[in-house]
Amino acid sequence: MFTSDVKDRWARNWLAWNGYGKFWTQLVREIMRRDDPDGTAARPALRVRRERGQAIVETELVDDEGAFRDLASLSLEVVDPQGRASTAAVTQVGPGAYRAAVPLAARGGWTFRLRSDGEAEPLAERQLVVDDGGEQRLRPPDVALLEAIARDTGGAFDPTPAEIFDVGAARAPTATALWPLLSALAALVWLGDLALRRVRLFET
């Protein structure tokens, strides 16, 4: 995420760069809406995410006026990691919104191209890399291991909130510093001694 500004507050070290103006020009051009070559429709963005072993491919179509394009004849070209091409059905799921689901049967790089009937060039293209990702894969907890750890350490597996805050008969020794109290007592004795010496109650 790039969160700089264009002035000397956060981009002070960039201002002297001779490519600074070109950088911002290209950045603005990159994020602007792009039209098809014939200028009849905005080029859509293609989003791809993994979900339960499938690639979910989604997009929205709008015309030049910003209105949703419904009932579009779309198809999704899929190229698997071995280079084999296939076609997946694209279904409209909302106003101007379309979706396709593609099973991810192999690891590697997948390419998705959104095509409109009658057009040679794809409307949009995205890639997705599928790797092992074993350390990031969600798995159910090892209940047996957790129960064994709780049993061996004298704890409780899946305790209720009341059990968590119930200390029971367990007691833990604590240390209490006595020097503040003793220091205050010594100061009082010292002040009392000074008072007695000045008043001299016991002198005849």
C-alpha atoms as a PDB file:
ATOM      1  CA  MET A   1       0.000   0.000   0.000  1.00  0.00           C
ATOM      2  CA  PHE A   2       1.394   3.416  -1.054  1.00  0.00           C
ATOM      3  CA  THR A   3       0.205   6.187   1.287  1.00  0.00           C
ATOM      4  CA  SER A   4       2.553   9.054   0.488  1.00  0.00           C
ATOM      5  CA  ASP A   5       1.500  12.555  -0.525  1.00  0.00           C
ATOM      6  CA  VAL A   6       2.850  14.619  -3.438  1.00  0.00           C
ATOM      7  CA  LYS A   7       4.434  17.400  -1.376  1.00  0.00           C
ATOM      8  CA  ASP A   8       7.324  17.757   1.040  1.00  0.00           C
ATOM      9  CA  ARG A   9       5.484  16.370   4.052  1.00  0.00           C
ATOM     10  CA  TRP A  10       6.031  12.667   3.326  1.00  0.00           C
ATOM     11  CA  ALA A  11       7.701  12.765  -0.103  1.00  0.00           C
ATOM     12  CA  ARG A  12      10.507  15.174   0.770  1.00  0.00           C
ATOM     13  CA  ASN A  13      13.252  12.844  -0.462  1.00  0.00           C
ATOM     14  CA  TRP A  14      11.394  12.208  -3.730  1.00  0.00           C
ATOM     15  CA  LEU A  15      11.038  15.811  -4.886  1.00  0.00           C
ATOM     16  CA  ALA A  16      14.620  16.017  -6.161  1.00  0.00           C
ATOM     17  CA  TRP A  17      14.171  12.870  -8.294  1.00  0.00           C
ATOM     18  CA  ASN A  18      14.024  13.735 -11.985  1.00  0.00           C
ATOM     19  CA  GLY A  19      11.425  11.027 -12.561  1.00  0.00           C
ATOM     20  CA  TYR A  20       9.010  12.309  -9.917  1.00  0.00           C
ATOM     21  CA  GLY A  21       6.611  13.990 -12.342  1.00  0.00           C
ATOM     22  CA  LYS A  22       6.679  11.024 -14.706  1.00  0.00           C
ATOM     23  CA  PHE A  23       5.984   8.667 -11.807  1.00  0.00           C
ATOM     24  CA  TRP A  24       2.771  10.455 -10.836  1.00  0.00           C
ATOM     25  CA  THR A  25       1.680  10.812 -14.450  1.00  0.00           C
ATOM     26  CA  GLN A  26       2.004   7.074 -15.000  1.00  0.00           C
ATOM     27  CA  LEU A  27       0.361   6.292 -11.663  1.00  0.00           C
ATOM     28  CA  VAL A  28      -2.717   8.391 -12.463  1.00  0.00           C
ATOM     29  CA  ARG A  29      -2.916   6.920 -15.961  1.00  0.00           C
ATOM     30  CA  GLU A  30      -2.724   3.392 -14.524  1.00  0.00           C
ATOM     31  CA  ILE A  31      -5.645   3.810 -12.118  1.00  0.00           C
ATOM     32  CA  MET A  32      -7.913   5.696 -14.532  1.00  0.00           C
ATOM     33  CA  ARG A  33     -10.859   3.895 -16.066  1.00  0.00           C
ATOM     34  CA  ARG A  34      -9.901   2.327 -19.375  1.00  0.00           C
ATOM     35  CA  ASP A  35     -12.191   2.069 -22.379  1.00  0.00           C
ATOM     36  CA  ASP A  36     -12.393  -0.626 -25.008  1.00  0.00           C
ATOM     37  CA  PRO A  37     -10.633   0.201 -28.304  1.00  0.00           C
ATOM     38  CA  ASP A  38     -13.970   1.099 -29.917  1.00  0.00           C
ATOM     39  CA  GLY A  39     -14.868   3.330 -26.961  1.00  0.00           C
ATOM     40  CA  THR A  40     -18.247   1.718 -26.335  1.00  0.00           C
ATOM     41  CA  ALA A  41     -17.693   0.247 -22.882  1.00  0.00           C
ATOM     42  CA  ALA A  42     -15.386   0.520 -19.915  1.00  0.00           C
ATOM     43  CA  ARG A  43     -12.848  -2.253 -19.555  1.00  0.00           C
ATOM     44  CA  PRO A  44     -13.798  -4.332 -16.505  1.00  0.00           C
ATOM     45  CA  ALA A  45     -11.573  -5.429 -13.674  1.00  0.00           C
ATOM     46  CA  LEU A  46     -11.255  -9.135 -13.000  1.00  0.00           C
ATOM     47  CA  ARG A  47     -10.967 -10.397  -9.419  1.00  0.00           C
ATOM     48  CA  VAL A  48      -9.796 -13.909  -8.584  1.00  0.00           C
ATOM     49  CA  ARG A  49      -9.821 -15.564  -5.155  1.00  0.00           C
ATOM     50  CA  ARG A  50      -9.425 -19.098  -3.849  1.00  0.00           C
ATOM     51  CA  GLU A  51     -12.304 -20.716  -2.006  1.00  0.00           C
ATOM     52  CA  ARG A  52     -12.538 -24.410  -1.057  1.00  0.00           C
ATOM     53  CA  GLY A  53     -10.380 -25.692  -3.878  1.00  0.00           C
ATOM     54  CA  GLN A  54     -11.925 -23.416  -6.493  1.00  0.00           C
ATOM     55  CA  ALA A  55     -11.014 -20.161  -8.165  1.00  0.00           C
ATOM     56  CA  ILE A  56     -13.877 -17.691  -7.865  1.00  0.00           C
ATOM     57  CA  VAL A  57     -13.644 -15.195 -10.721  1.00  0.00           C
ATOM     58  CA  GLU A  58     -15.793 -12.065 -10.447  1.00  0.00           C
ATOM     59  CA  THR A  59     -16.276  -8.883 -12.435  1.00  0.00           C
ATOM     60  CA  GLU A  60     -18.687  -5.993 -12.969  1.00  0.00           C
ATOM     61  CA  LEU A  61     -19.645  -4.513 -16.330  1.00  0.00           C
ATOM     62  CA  VAL A  62     -20.787  -0.928 -16.881  1.00  0.00           C
ATOM     63  CA  ASP A  63     -21.268   1.177 -19.995  1.00  0.00           C
ATOM     64  CA  ASP A  64     -19.858   4.616 -20.761  1.00  0.00           C
ATOM     65  CA  GLU A  65     -22.633   6.235 -18.743  1.00  0.00           C
ATOM     66  CA  GLY A  66     -21.843   4.136 -15.671  1.00  0.00           C
ATOM     67  CA  ALA A  67     -24.986   2.012 -15.985  1.00  0.00           C
ATOM     68  CA  PHE A  68     -24.805  -1.726 -15.350  1.00  0.00           C
ATOM     69  CA  ARG A  69     -24.539  -4.012 -18.366  1.00  0.00           C
ATOM     70  CA  ASP A  70     -26.908  -6.914 -17.849  1.00  0.00           C
ATOM     71  CA  LEU A  71     -27.422 -10.141 -19.804  1.00  0.00           C
ATOM     72  CA  ALA A  72     -23.973  -9.927 -21.395  1.00  0.00           C
ATOM     73  CA  SER A  73     -22.767 -12.962 -23.350  1.00  0.00           C
ATOM     74  CA  LEU A  74     -19.543 -13.798 -21.551  1.00  0.00           C
ATOM     75  CA  SER A  75     -17.233 -16.769 -21.249  1.00  0.00           C
ATOM     76  CA  LEU A  76     -14.111 -17.426 -19.228  1.00  0.00           C
ATOM     77  CA  GLU A  77     -11.054 -18.909 -20.903  1.00  0.00           C
ATOM     78  CA  VAL A  78      -9.011 -20.932 -18.414  1.00  0.00           C
ATOM     79  CA  VAL A  79      -5.405 -21.999 -18.994  1.00  0.00           C
ATOM     80  CA  ASP A  80      -4.122 -24.507 -16.427  1.00  0.00           C
ATOM     81  CA  PRO A  81      -0.482 -24.901 -15.286  1.00  0.00           C
ATOM     82  CA  GLN A  82       0.152 -27.435 -18.084  1.00  0.00           C
ATOM     83  CA  GLY A  83      -0.976 -24.946 -20.732  1.00  0.00           C
ATOM     84  CA  ARG A  84      -4.277 -26.677 -21.477  1.00  0.00           C
ATOM     85  CA  ALA A  85      -7.093 -24.260 -22.320  1.00  0.00           C
ATOM     86  CA  SER A  86     -10.743 -24.735 -21.444  1.00  0.00           C
ATOM     87  CA  THR A  87     -13.861 -22.625 -21.124  1.00  0.00           C
ATOM     88  CA  ALA A  88     -15.904 -22.008 -17.977  1.00  0.00           C
ATOM     89  CA  ALA A  89     -19.438 -20.687 -17.791  1.00  0.00           C
ATOM     90  CA  VAL A  90     -19.989 -17.156 -16.518  1.00  0.00           C
ATOM     91  CA  THR A  91     -23.202 -16.489 -14.613  1.00  0.00           C
ATOM     92  CA  GLN A  92     -24.807 -13.156 -13.814  1.00  0.00           C
ATOM     93  CA  VAL A  93     -25.296 -12.891 -10.052  1.00  0.00           C
ATOM     94  CA  GLY A  94     -26.451  -9.281  -9.714  1.00  0.00           C
ATOM     95  CA  PRO A  95     -26.871  -6.006 -11.590  1.00  0.00           C
ATOM     96  CA  GLY A  96     -23.844  -5.920 -13.872  1.00  0.00           C
ATOM     97  CA  ALA A  97     -22.115  -8.546 -11.701  1.00  0.00           C
ATOM     98  CA  TYR A  98     -20.830 -11.825 -13.124  1.00  0.00           C
ATOM     99  CA  ARG A  99     -19.125 -14.820 -11.565  1.00  0.00           C
ATOM    100  CA  ALA A 100     -17.479 -18.083 -12.571  1.00  0.00           C
ATOM    101  CA  ALA A 101     -16.166 -20.971 -10.479  1.00  0.00           C
ATOM    102  CA  VAL A 102     -13.204 -23.024 -11.704  1.00  0.00           C
ATOM    103  CA  PRO A 103     -11.899 -26.143  -9.895  1.00  0.00           C
ATOM    104  CA  LEU A 104      -8.185 -25.845  -9.149  1.00  0.00           C
ATOM    105  CA  ALA A 105      -7.037 -29.367  -9.882  1.00  0.00           C
ATOM    106  CA  ALA A 106      -3.295 -28.711 -10.111  1.00  0.00           C
ATOM    107  CA  ARG A 107      -0.592 -26.595  -8.523  1.00  0.00           C
ATOM    108  CA  GLY A 108       1.079 -23.869 -10.527  1.00  0.00           C
ATOM    109  CA  GLY A 109       0.083 -20.792 -12.498  1.00  0.00           C
ATOM    110  CA  TRP A 110      -3.475 -20.406 -13.788  1.00  0.00           C
ATOM    111  CA  THR A 111      -4.590 -17.794 -16.320  1.00  0.00           C
ATOM    112  CA  PHE A 112      -8.147 -16.494 -16.601  1.00  0.00           C
ATOM    113  CA  ARG A 113      -9.348 -14.442 -19.577  1.00  0.00           C
ATOM    114  CA  LEU A 114     -12.808 -12.921 -19.661  1.00  0.00           C
ATOM    115  CA  ARG A 115     -14.184 -12.915 -23.193  1.00  0.00           C
ATOM    116  CA  SER A 116     -17.253 -11.421 -24.804  1.00  0.00           C
ATOM    117  CA  ASP A 117     -18.918 -13.195 -27.716  1.00  0.00           C
ATOM    118  CA  GLY A 118     -17.831 -11.759 -31.035  1.00  0.00           C
ATOM    119  CA  GLU A 119     -14.672 -10.060 -29.745  1.00  0.00           C
ATOM    120  CA  ALA A 120     -11.199 -11.371 -30.482  1.00  0.00           C
ATOM    121  CA  GLU A 121      -9.434  -9.676 -27.594  1.00  0.00           C
ATOM    122  CA  PRO A 122     -10.273 -10.586 -23.987  1.00  0.00           C
ATOM    123  CA  LEU A 123     -12.010  -7.982 -21.850  1.00  0.00           C
ATOM    124  CA  ALA A 124      -9.755  -8.705 -18.880  1.00  0.00           C
ATOM    125  CA  GLU A 125      -7.073 -11.144 -17.776  1.00  0.00           C
ATOM    126  CA  ARG A 126      -5.772 -12.271 -14.388  1.00  0.00           C
ATOM    127  CA  GLN A 127      -3.352 -14.892 -13.074  1.00  0.00           C
ATOM    128  CA  LEU A 128      -3.468 -17.027  -9.971  1.00  0.00           C
ATOM    129  CA  VAL A 129      -0.632 -19.137  -8.560  1.00  0.00           C
ATOM    130  CA  VAL A 130      -1.640 -22.215  -6.590  1.00  0.00           C
ATOM    131  CA  ASP A 131       1.079 -23.612  -4.337  1.00  0.00           C
ATOM    132  CA  ASP A 132       1.195 -26.103  -1.503  1.00  0.00           C
ATOM    133  CA  GLY A 133       0.724 -23.513   1.216  1.00  0.00           C
ATOM    134  CA  GLY A 134       0.614 -26.270   3.818  1.00  0.00           C
ATOM    135  CA  GLU A 135       1.578 -23.998   6.678  1.00  0.00           C
ATOM    136  CA  GLN A 136      -1.261 -21.623   5.795  1.00  0.00           C
ATOM    137  CA  ARG A 137      -3.956 -24.213   5.185  1.00  0.00           C
ATOM    138  CA  LEU A 138      -6.710 -24.216   7.778  1.00  0.00           C
ATOM    139  CA  ARG A 139      -7.083 -27.518   9.587  1.00  0.00           C
ATOM    140  CA  PRO A 140      -9.237 -28.640  12.519  1.00  0.00           C
ATOM    141  CA  PRO A 141      -7.583 -28.498  15.957  1.00  0.00           C
ATOM    142  CA  ASP A 142      -5.824 -31.578  17.339  1.00  0.00           C
ATOM    143  CA  VAL A 143      -8.261 -32.167  20.195  1.00  0.00           C
ATOM    144  CA  ALA A 144      -6.483 -35.284  21.475  1.00  0.00           C
ATOM    145  CA  LEU A 145      -3.169 -33.429  21.767  1.00  0.00           C
ATOM    146  CA  LEU A 146      -4.772 -30.476  23.544  1.00  0.00           C
ATOM    147  CA  GLU A 147      -6.516 -32.797  26.013  1.00  0.00           C
ATOM    148  CA  ALA A 148      -3.224 -34.597  26.727  1.00  0.00           C
ATOM    149  CA  ILE A 149      -1.413 -31.302  27.361  1.00  0.00           C
ATOM    150  CA  ALA A 150      -4.163 -30.139  29.724  1.00  0.00           C
ATOM    151  CA  ARG A 151      -4.107 -33.455  31.584  1.00  0.00           C
ATOM    152  CA  ASP A 152      -0.312 -33.598  31.955  1.00  0.00           C
ATOM    153  CA  THR A 153      -0.036 -30.007  33.159  1.00  0.00           C
ATOM    154  CA  GLY A 154      -2.933 -30.174  35.603  1.00  0.00           C
ATOM    155  CA  GLY A 155      -5.148 -27.893  33.552  1.00  0.00           C
ATOM    156  CA  ALA A 156      -8.595 -28.250  32.047  1.00  0.00           C
ATOM    157  CA  PHE A 157      -9.543 -28.723  28.414  1.00  0.00           C
ATOM    158  CA  ASP A 158     -12.109 -26.261  27.046  1.00  0.00           C
ATOM    159  CA  PRO A 159     -13.002 -24.753  30.446  1.00  0.00           C
ATOM    160  CA  THR A 160     -16.086 -22.635  30.991  1.00  0.00           C
ATOM    161  CA  PRO A 161     -15.682 -18.922  31.840  1.00  0.00           C
ATOM    162  CA  ALA A 162     -16.578 -19.707  35.476  1.00  0.00           C
ATOM    163  CA  GLU A 163     -13.842 -22.351  35.646  1.00  0.00           C
ATOM    164  CA  ILE A 164     -11.285 -19.959  34.191  1.00  0.00           C
ATOM    165  CA  PHE A 165     -11.778 -17.389  36.960  1.00  0.00           C
ATOM    166  CA  ASP A 166     -12.299 -19.889  39.806  1.00  0.00           C
ATOM    167  CA  VAL A 167      -8.986 -20.150  41.659  1.00  0.00           C
ATOM    168  CA  GLY A 168     -10.350 -22.826  44.000  1.00  0.00           C
ATOM    169  CA  ALA A 169      -7.945 -23.913  46.721  1.00  0.00           C
ATOM    170  CA  ALA A 170      -4.872 -22.925  44.766  1.00  0.00           C
ATOM    171  CA  ARG A 171      -2.685 -20.419  46.530  1.00  0.00           C
ATOM    172  CA  ALA A 172       0.470 -18.774  45.352  1.00  0.00           C
ATOM    173  CA  PRO A 173       3.071 -17.131  47.629  1.00  0.00           C
ATOM    174  CA  THR A 174       3.538 -13.414  47.175  1.00  0.00           C
ATOM    175  CA  ALA A 175       6.217 -11.053  48.474  1.00  0.00           C
ATOM    176  CA  THR A 176       5.297  -7.811  50.203  1.00  0.00           C
ATOM    177  CA  ALA A 177       7.851  -5.047  50.659  1.00  0.00           C
ATOM    178  CA  LEU A 178       7.992  -3.883  54.309  1.00  0.00           C
ATOM    179  CA  TRP A 179      10.497  -1.075  53.906  1.00  0.00           C
ATOM    180  CA  PRO A 180       7.920   1.648  53.147  1.00  0.00           C
ATOM    181  CA  LEU A 181       6.066   0.923  56.397  1.00  0.00           C
ATOM    182  CA  LEU A 182       9.275   0.646  58.434  1.00  0.00           C
ATOM    183  CA  SER A 183      10.652   3.847  56.921  1.00  0.00           C
ATOM    184  CA  ALA A 184       7.478   5.730  57.816  1.00  0.00           C
ATOM    185  CA  LEU A 185       7.575   4.324  61.363  1.00  0.00           C
ATOM    186  CA  ALA A 186      11.231   5.333  61.768  1.00  0.00           C
ATOM    187  CA  ALA A 187      10.429   8.849  60.566  1.00  0.00           C
ATOM    188  CA  LEU A 188       7.620   9.151  63.112  1.00  0.00           C
ATOM    189  CA  VAL A 189       9.895   7.942  65.934  1.00  0.00           C
ATOM    190  CA  TRP A 190      12.568  10.423  64.889  1.00  0.00           C
ATOM    191  CA  LEU A 191      10.082  13.308  64.841  1.00  0.00           C
ATOM    192  CA  GLY A 192       8.770  12.247  68.258  1.00  0.00           C
ATOM    193  CA  ASP A 193      12.281  12.168  69.656  1.00  0.00           C
ATOM    194  CA  LEU A 194      12.952  15.677  68.347  1.00  0.00           C
ATOM    195  CA  ALA A 195       9.713  16.949  69.882  1.00  0.00           C
ATOM    196  CA  LEU A 196      10.504  15.441  73.272  1.00  0.00           C
ATOM    197  CA  ARG A 197      14.001  16.914  73.274  1.00  0.00           C
ATOM    198  CA  ARG A 198      12.679  20.393  72.487  1.00  0.00           C
ATOM    199  CA  VAL A 199       9.798  20.343  74.998  1.00  0.00           C
ATOM    200  CA  ARG A 200      11.900  18.732  77.788  1.00  0.00           C
ATOM    201  CA  LEU A 201       8.961  17.345  79.718  1.00  0.00           C
ATOM    202  CA  PHE A 202      11.125  15.247  81.995  1.00  0.00           C
ATOM    203  CA  GLU A 203      13.448  17.977  83.189  1.00  0.00           C
ATOM    204  CA  THR A 204      12.932  19.490  86.702  1.00  0.00           C
END
